[in-house]
Amino acid sequence: MDKEWIEVSITTSSEAVEAVSGILYNTEVKGVSIEDSQDVEFKKKHPEDWDYFDESLLKIKDGTAVVKGYYKQDKNLNGYLMYIKDSINNLESFGIDKGKGLITVSKVNEEDWENKWKEYYKPYKVGKNIVVKPIWENYEAKKDDIIVELDPGMAFGTGTHETTKMCIKALEKYIKPEYTVFDIGTGSGILAITSSKLGAKEVTGVDLDPVAVKSASTNVGYNHIKNVNILQGDLMDVVKGKANIVVANIIADVIISLADGVKNFMLPEGVFICSGIIVERKEEVVDKLNKTGFKIEEINEDGEWVCIVASVK
């Protein structure tokens, strides 16, 4: 039973992906995956950026997306399903096209799920030097390669997503020796581990999800690093001190809510790297960061996703 998960699959519109993801994150979802026709089109046009392409994704029609949430069977599940259904049906009152709004529920065996995607998850390079290597794959390191060993498990943090890649590239650019880094919503721990490998002196990764905390802690061990601390909870509650860099690869709504308080955790001239933002929400996030006293250093886009780098004025 411990290896069995409940998969809640929502067929919606590309426009509603972030809103639907936000609905799931308002429950005790253990992981979220997104299959978006817009991402599929981008991957088809840029096959050189991908080690594999899942042909089953071609079934997703233009303008549609499938958002999946993963849960353990417990006494709260039926309540979550009712909340999800009501919230999806209410999207149109906010001017958001829910698409089909179709919700299906099925059981998924974790081992079967893991074995399926592991067949396609291969070592790949991000930026100048970072190579993300699944722990079950062999890889002959080249000169100047910085290897990040990873087993994302059920934390949904393989690092192949555009948002993660942009965060890694930003970390490569901005991390300096002796820097302290806070990674908010650490997931598999990929950005926290990458920060350590790039020379950060001290790294703290935080996540509300106990599955992610366990996964990230395990991955820290695989990389044999001692300066990464993984905590369960919210940044405002469990993290002490201040950082040179705060990185948050989450969603626009959470970044907007963080903007007011995150500066309290940043050193003078600190850098806030935030991603997980769809293009349509870019200006909203930029405006919020400007209003809360940040200076926008750069805005990068990859497909339908945005990564914003801002500094403390």
Protein backbone atom coordinates (compact mmCIF):
# COMPACT_ATOMS: atom_id res chain seq x y z
CA MET A 1 0.00 0.00 0.00
CA ASP A 2 2.87 2.35 0.79
CA LYS A 3 3.96 2.12 -2.85
CA GLU A 4 0.52 2.92 -4.22
CA TRP A 5 -0.48 6.45 -5.20
CA ILE A 6 -3.75 8.07 -6.26
CA GLU A 7 -3.35 9.99 -9.52
CA VAL A 8 -5.80 12.86 -10.04
CA SER A 9 -5.66 13.87 -13.71
CA ILE A 10 -7.26 17.13 -14.89
CA THR A 11 -7.71 17.83 -18.59
CA THR A 12 -7.83 21.59 -18.97
CA SER A 13 -6.59 24.44 -21.17
CA SER A 14 -3.00 25.68 -21.49
CA GLU A 15 -4.26 29.00 -20.17
CA ALA A 16 -5.43 27.36 -16.93
CA VAL A 17 -2.30 25.32 -16.15
CA GLU A 18 -0.98 27.61 -13.44
CA ALA A 19 -4.40 28.09 -11.84
CA VAL A 20 -5.05 24.34 -11.78
CA SER A 21 -1.58 23.69 -10.36
CA GLY A 22 -2.31 26.27 -7.67
CA ILE A 23 -5.56 24.47 -6.81
CA LEU A 24 -3.65 21.22 -6.31
CA TYR A 25 -0.99 22.93 -4.22
CA ASN A 26 -3.74 24.16 -1.92
CA THR A 27 -4.26 20.53 -0.94
CA GLU A 28 -1.72 18.12 0.49
CA VAL A 29 -0.63 17.02 -2.98
CA LYS A 30 2.63 15.07 -2.95
CA GLY A 31 3.67 15.98 -6.47
CA VAL A 32 2.39 17.67 -9.62
CA SER A 33 3.24 16.95 -13.25
CA ILE A 34 2.17 18.94 -16.31
CA GLU A 35 1.75 17.83 -19.93
CA ASP A 36 1.06 20.98 -21.95
CA SER A 37 0.53 21.18 -25.71
CA GLN A 38 2.53 24.43 -25.77
CA ASP A 39 5.53 22.65 -24.27
CA VAL A 40 5.09 19.79 -26.73
CA GLU A 41 5.22 22.20 -29.67
CA PHE A 42 8.36 23.83 -28.29
CA LYS A 43 10.08 20.46 -27.83
CA LYS A 44 9.15 19.43 -31.38
CA LYS A 45 10.75 22.63 -32.71
CA HIS A 46 13.89 22.28 -30.57
CA PRO A 47 14.66 18.53 -30.39
CA GLU A 48 18.34 19.24 -29.80
CA ASP A 49 17.51 20.42 -26.27
CA TRP A 50 15.94 17.10 -25.23
CA ASP A 51 17.44 13.68 -24.64
CA TYR A 52 14.11 12.00 -25.39
CA PHE A 53 10.61 12.82 -26.55
CA ASP A 54 7.64 10.88 -25.24
CA GLU A 55 5.49 10.20 -28.31
CA SER A 56 2.42 9.77 -26.10
CA LEU A 57 2.47 13.52 -25.53
CA LEU A 58 1.44 14.01 -29.17
CA LYS A 59 -2.06 12.93 -28.14
CA ILE A 60 -2.52 16.27 -26.39
CA LYS A 61 -4.33 18.61 -28.76
CA ASP A 62 -3.38 22.25 -29.32
CA GLY A 63 -4.38 24.56 -26.49
CA THR A 64 -4.96 21.76 -24.02
CA ALA A 65 -3.00 20.48 -21.05
CA VAL A 66 -3.16 17.65 -18.55
CA VAL A 67 -2.24 18.46 -14.96
CA LYS A 68 -1.71 15.49 -12.65
CA GLY A 69 -1.55 15.47 -8.88
CA TYR A 70 -0.39 12.54 -6.76
CA TYR A 71 -1.85 11.66 -3.37
CA LYS A 72 -1.75 8.96 -0.74
CA GLN A 73 -5.08 7.31 0.03
CA ASP A 74 -6.21 8.76 3.35
CA LYS A 75 -9.28 10.20 5.12
CA ASN A 76 -8.73 13.63 3.52
CA LEU A 77 -8.71 12.51 -0.11
CA ASN A 78 -12.46 12.73 -0.76
CA GLY A 79 -12.49 16.26 0.65
CA TYR A 80 -9.60 17.24 -1.63
CA LEU A 81 -11.41 15.79 -4.66
CA MET A 82 -14.55 17.82 -3.88
CA TYR A 83 -12.44 20.97 -3.43
CA ILE A 84 -10.63 20.35 -6.73
CA LYS A 85 -13.90 19.76 -8.60
CA ASP A 86 -15.56 22.88 -7.18
CA SER A 87 -12.46 25.02 -7.83
CA ILE A 88 -12.09 23.83 -11.42
CA ASN A 89 -15.76 24.56 -12.12
CA ASN A 90 -15.28 28.03 -10.61
CA LEU A 91 -12.35 29.02 -12.85
CA GLU A 92 -14.56 30.61 -15.48
CA SER A 93 -15.91 33.07 -12.90
CA PHE A 94 -12.35 34.44 -12.82
CA GLY A 95 -12.20 34.68 -16.61
CA ILE A 96 -10.04 31.55 -16.96
CA ASP A 97 -10.89 28.99 -19.62
CA LYS A 98 -11.08 25.64 -17.83
CA GLY A 99 -11.12 23.71 -21.12
CA LYS A 100 -12.76 20.31 -20.71
CA GLY A 101 -12.34 20.50 -16.95
CA LEU A 102 -12.37 16.70 -16.95
CA ILE A 103 -11.17 15.05 -13.72
CA THR A 104 -10.22 11.37 -13.57
CA VAL A 105 -8.91 9.42 -10.61
CA SER A 106 -6.83 6.25 -10.82
CA LYS A 107 -4.36 4.19 -8.82
CA VAL A 108 -0.68 4.25 -9.77
CA ASN A 109 2.00 1.92 -8.50
CA GLU A 110 5.11 3.93 -7.64
CA GLU A 111 7.53 1.26 -8.84
CA ASP A 112 5.80 0.95 -12.22
CA TRP A 113 5.79 4.73 -12.59
CA GLU A 114 9.46 5.03 -11.66
CA ASN A 115 10.60 2.25 -13.99
CA LYS A 116 8.76 3.82 -16.93
CA TRP A 117 10.36 7.26 -16.75
CA LYS A 118 13.80 5.97 -15.73
CA GLU A 119 14.11 4.42 -19.19
CA TYR A 120 14.15 7.92 -20.70
CA TYR A 121 15.96 9.93 -18.04
CA LYS A 122 19.60 10.22 -19.14
CA PRO A 123 22.56 12.45 -18.16
CA TYR A 124 22.30 15.91 -19.68
CA LYS A 125 24.24 19.15 -19.53
CA VAL A 126 22.83 22.48 -18.38
CA GLY A 127 24.67 25.76 -18.84
CA LYS A 128 28.46 25.74 -19.04
CA ASN A 129 29.46 22.96 -16.68
CA ILE A 130 26.58 21.35 -14.81
CA VAL A 131 25.77 17.75 -15.78
CA VAL A 132 22.71 16.23 -14.12
CA LYS A 133 23.27 12.49 -13.87
CA PRO A 134 20.68 9.93 -12.74
CA ILE A 135 22.30 7.75 -10.08
CA TRP A 136 21.52 4.58 -12.07
CA GLU A 137 23.31 5.82 -15.23
CA ASN A 138 27.00 5.62 -16.08
CA TYR A 139 28.68 8.79 -17.31
CA GLU A 140 32.29 9.51 -18.18
CA ALA A 141 32.96 13.00 -16.90
CA LYS A 142 34.69 15.44 -19.22
CA LYS A 143 37.07 18.18 -18.20
CA ASP A 144 35.33 20.93 -16.19
CA ASP A 145 32.11 18.92 -15.81
CA ILE A 146 30.36 19.46 -12.50
CA ILE A 147 28.31 16.33 -11.81
CA VAL A 148 25.02 16.49 -9.90
CA GLU A 149 23.92 12.98 -8.91
CA LEU A 150 20.13 12.75 -8.74
CA ASP A 151 17.29 10.38 -8.00
CA PRO A 152 14.18 12.59 -7.95
CA GLY A 153 11.86 9.76 -6.87
CA MET A 154 8.34 11.13 -6.30
CA ALA A 155 9.57 14.71 -5.77
CA PHE A 156 9.15 15.57 -9.46
CA GLY A 157 12.45 17.36 -9.82
CA THR A 158 14.40 15.76 -12.65
CA GLY A 159 15.68 19.12 -13.81
CA THR A 160 14.65 18.67 -17.44
CA HIS A 161 11.98 21.35 -17.20
CA GLU A 162 12.74 24.75 -18.73
CA THR A 163 12.28 26.54 -15.40
CA THR A 164 14.87 24.38 -13.64
CA LYS A 165 17.35 24.79 -16.48
CA MET A 166 17.03 28.58 -16.36
CA CYS A 167 17.55 28.56 -12.57
CA ILE A 168 20.70 26.45 -12.93
CA LYS A 169 22.09 28.84 -15.55
CA ALA A 170 21.35 31.80 -13.25
CA LEU A 171 23.05 30.08 -10.31
CA GLU A 172 26.11 29.47 -12.50
CA LYS A 173 26.22 33.17 -13.25
CA TYR A 174 25.61 34.64 -9.81
CA ILE A 175 27.08 32.27 -7.22
CA LYS A 176 30.44 33.28 -5.79
CA PRO A 177 32.71 31.53 -3.29
CA GLU A 178 31.59 31.97 0.33
CA TYR A 179 27.98 32.73 -0.72
CA THR A 180 25.00 31.49 1.26
CA VAL A 181 21.99 30.20 -0.74
CA PHE A 182 18.38 29.51 0.28
CA ASP A 183 16.39 27.23 -2.06
CA ILE A 184 12.62 27.61 -1.56
CA GLY A 185 10.51 24.64 -2.65
CA THR A 186 13.60 22.51 -3.07
CA GLY A 187 11.79 19.42 -4.45
CA SER A 188 14.43 16.83 -5.33
CA GLY A 189 17.12 19.22 -4.05
CA ILE A 190 18.60 19.76 -7.50
CA LEU A 191 19.09 23.53 -7.13
CA ALA A 192 20.42 23.27 -3.57
CA ILE A 193 22.93 20.61 -4.61
CA THR A 194 23.90 22.56 -7.72
CA SER A 195 24.53 25.64 -5.55
CA SER A 196 26.92 23.67 -3.36
CA LYS A 197 28.71 22.20 -6.36
CA LEU A 198 29.15 25.72 -7.79
CA GLY A 199 31.01 26.81 -4.69
CA ALA A 200 28.44 28.17 -2.26
CA LYS A 201 29.67 28.02 1.32
CA GLU A 202 26.33 27.17 2.90
CA VAL A 203 23.01 26.07 1.36
CA THR A 204 19.57 25.56 2.90
CA GLY A 205 16.74 23.91 1.01
CA VAL A 206 13.18 24.09 2.32
CA ASP A 207 9.98 22.37 1.23
CA LEU A 208 6.52 21.87 2.74
CA ASP A 209 6.26 18.38 1.24
CA PRO A 210 7.76 15.61 3.45
CA VAL A 211 8.27 13.42 0.34
CA ALA A 212 10.37 16.18 -1.23
CA VAL A 213 12.35 16.69 1.99
CA LYS A 214 13.18 12.98 2.11
CA SER A 215 14.12 12.93 -1.58
CA ALA A 216 16.29 16.05 -1.33
CA SER A 217 18.07 14.76 1.79
CA THR A 218 18.79 11.46 0.06
CA ASN A 219 20.17 13.24 -3.01
CA VAL A 220 22.44 15.37 -0.84
CA GLY A 221 23.89 12.11 0.48
CA TYR A 222 24.42 10.75 -3.04
CA ASN A 223 26.56 13.83 -3.81
CA HIS A 224 28.67 13.49 -0.66
CA ILE A 225 28.34 17.13 0.31
CA LYS A 226 28.23 18.41 3.87
CA ASN A 227 27.16 22.03 3.48
CA VAL A 228 23.53 21.53 2.38
CA ASN A 229 20.81 21.47 5.01
CA ILE A 230 17.29 20.34 4.03
CA LEU A 231 14.37 21.50 6.18
CA GLN A 232 10.64 20.86 6.12
CA GLY A 233 8.43 23.91 6.39
CA ASP A 234 8.02 27.45 5.15
CA LEU A 235 10.92 29.85 4.56
CA MET A 236 9.51 32.36 7.02
CA ASP A 237 9.21 29.77 9.80
CA VAL A 238 12.19 27.42 9.64
CA VAL A 239 15.09 29.34 8.06
CA LYS A 240 17.40 31.45 10.18
CA GLY A 241 19.85 34.10 9.00
CA LYS A 242 20.25 35.74 5.62
CA ALA A 243 21.49 34.65 2.21
CA ASN A 244 23.33 36.15 -0.74
CA ILE A 245 21.02 34.29 -3.10
CA VAL A 246 17.45 33.08 -2.70
CA VAL A 247 16.17 30.82 -5.49
CA ALA A 248 12.51 29.87 -5.86
CA ASN A 249 11.39 27.63 -8.72
CA ILE A 250 7.69 27.46 -7.89
CA ILE A 251 4.68 29.33 -9.35
CA ALA A 252 3.85 32.99 -9.90
CA ASP A 253 1.29 33.25 -7.10
CA VAL A 254 3.73 31.96 -4.50
CA ILE A 255 6.52 34.22 -5.77
CA ILE A 256 4.21 37.23 -5.56
CA SER A 257 3.29 36.31 -1.98
CA LEU A 258 6.97 35.83 -1.11
CA ALA A 259 8.05 39.19 -2.48
CA ASP A 260 6.92 41.16 0.56
CA GLY A 261 8.91 39.15 3.08
CA VAL A 262 11.79 37.49 1.26
CA LYS A 263 14.01 40.59 1.52
CA ASN A 264 14.16 39.99 5.27
CA PHE A 265 16.14 36.85 4.48
CA MET A 266 18.54 38.49 2.04
CA LEU A 267 21.85 40.24 2.57
CA PRO A 268 22.52 43.70 1.07
CA GLU A 269 22.80 43.43 -2.72
CA GLY A 270 21.42 39.91 -2.49
CA VAL A 271 19.94 38.22 -5.57
CA PHE A 272 16.46 36.69 -5.87
CA ILE A 273 16.20 34.10 -8.68
CA CYS A 274 12.58 33.16 -9.32
CA SER A 275 11.05 30.90 -11.93
CA GLY A 276 8.05 28.66 -12.57
CA ILE A 277 6.35 31.72 -14.08
CA ILE A 278 4.35 31.43 -17.28
CA VAL A 279 4.87 34.19 -19.85
CA GLU A 280 1.37 35.58 -19.29
CA ARG A 281 2.18 36.29 -15.63
CA LYS A 282 5.60 37.85 -16.24
CA GLU A 283 4.61 41.51 -15.97
CA GLU A 284 2.55 40.85 -12.86
CA VAL A 285 5.57 39.34 -11.09
CA VAL A 286 7.89 42.09 -12.36
CA ASP A 287 5.50 44.79 -11.09
CA LYS A 288 5.30 43.16 -7.67
CA LEU A 289 9.08 42.86 -7.38
CA ASN A 290 9.50 46.51 -8.37
CA LYS A 291 6.92 47.64 -5.83
CA THR A 292 8.62 45.70 -3.02
CA GLY A 293 11.99 47.30 -3.61
CA PHE A 294 13.76 44.91 -5.96
CA LYS A 295 15.76 45.89 -9.01
CA ILE A 296 15.20 43.64 -12.03
CA GLU A 297 18.58 42.46 -13.28
CA GLU A 298 17.45 40.19 -16.09
CA ILE A 299 14.46 38.33 -17.48
CA ASN A 300 15.01 35.09 -19.37
CA GLU A 301 12.45 33.07 -21.31
CA ASP A 302 12.43 29.47 -22.49
CA GLY A 303 9.32 28.35 -24.32
CA GLU A 304 6.30 29.49 -22.30
CA TRP A 305 8.31 29.93 -19.08
CA VAL A 306 10.11 32.86 -17.48
CA CYS A 307 12.99 33.21 -15.01
CA ILE A 308 13.44 36.60 -13.33
CA VAL A 309 16.62 37.67 -11.54
CA ALA A 310 16.20 40.61 -9.17
CA SER A 311 18.53 42.23 -6.64
CA VAL A 312 17.99 44.02 -3.35
CA LYS A 313 18.31 47.78 -3.86
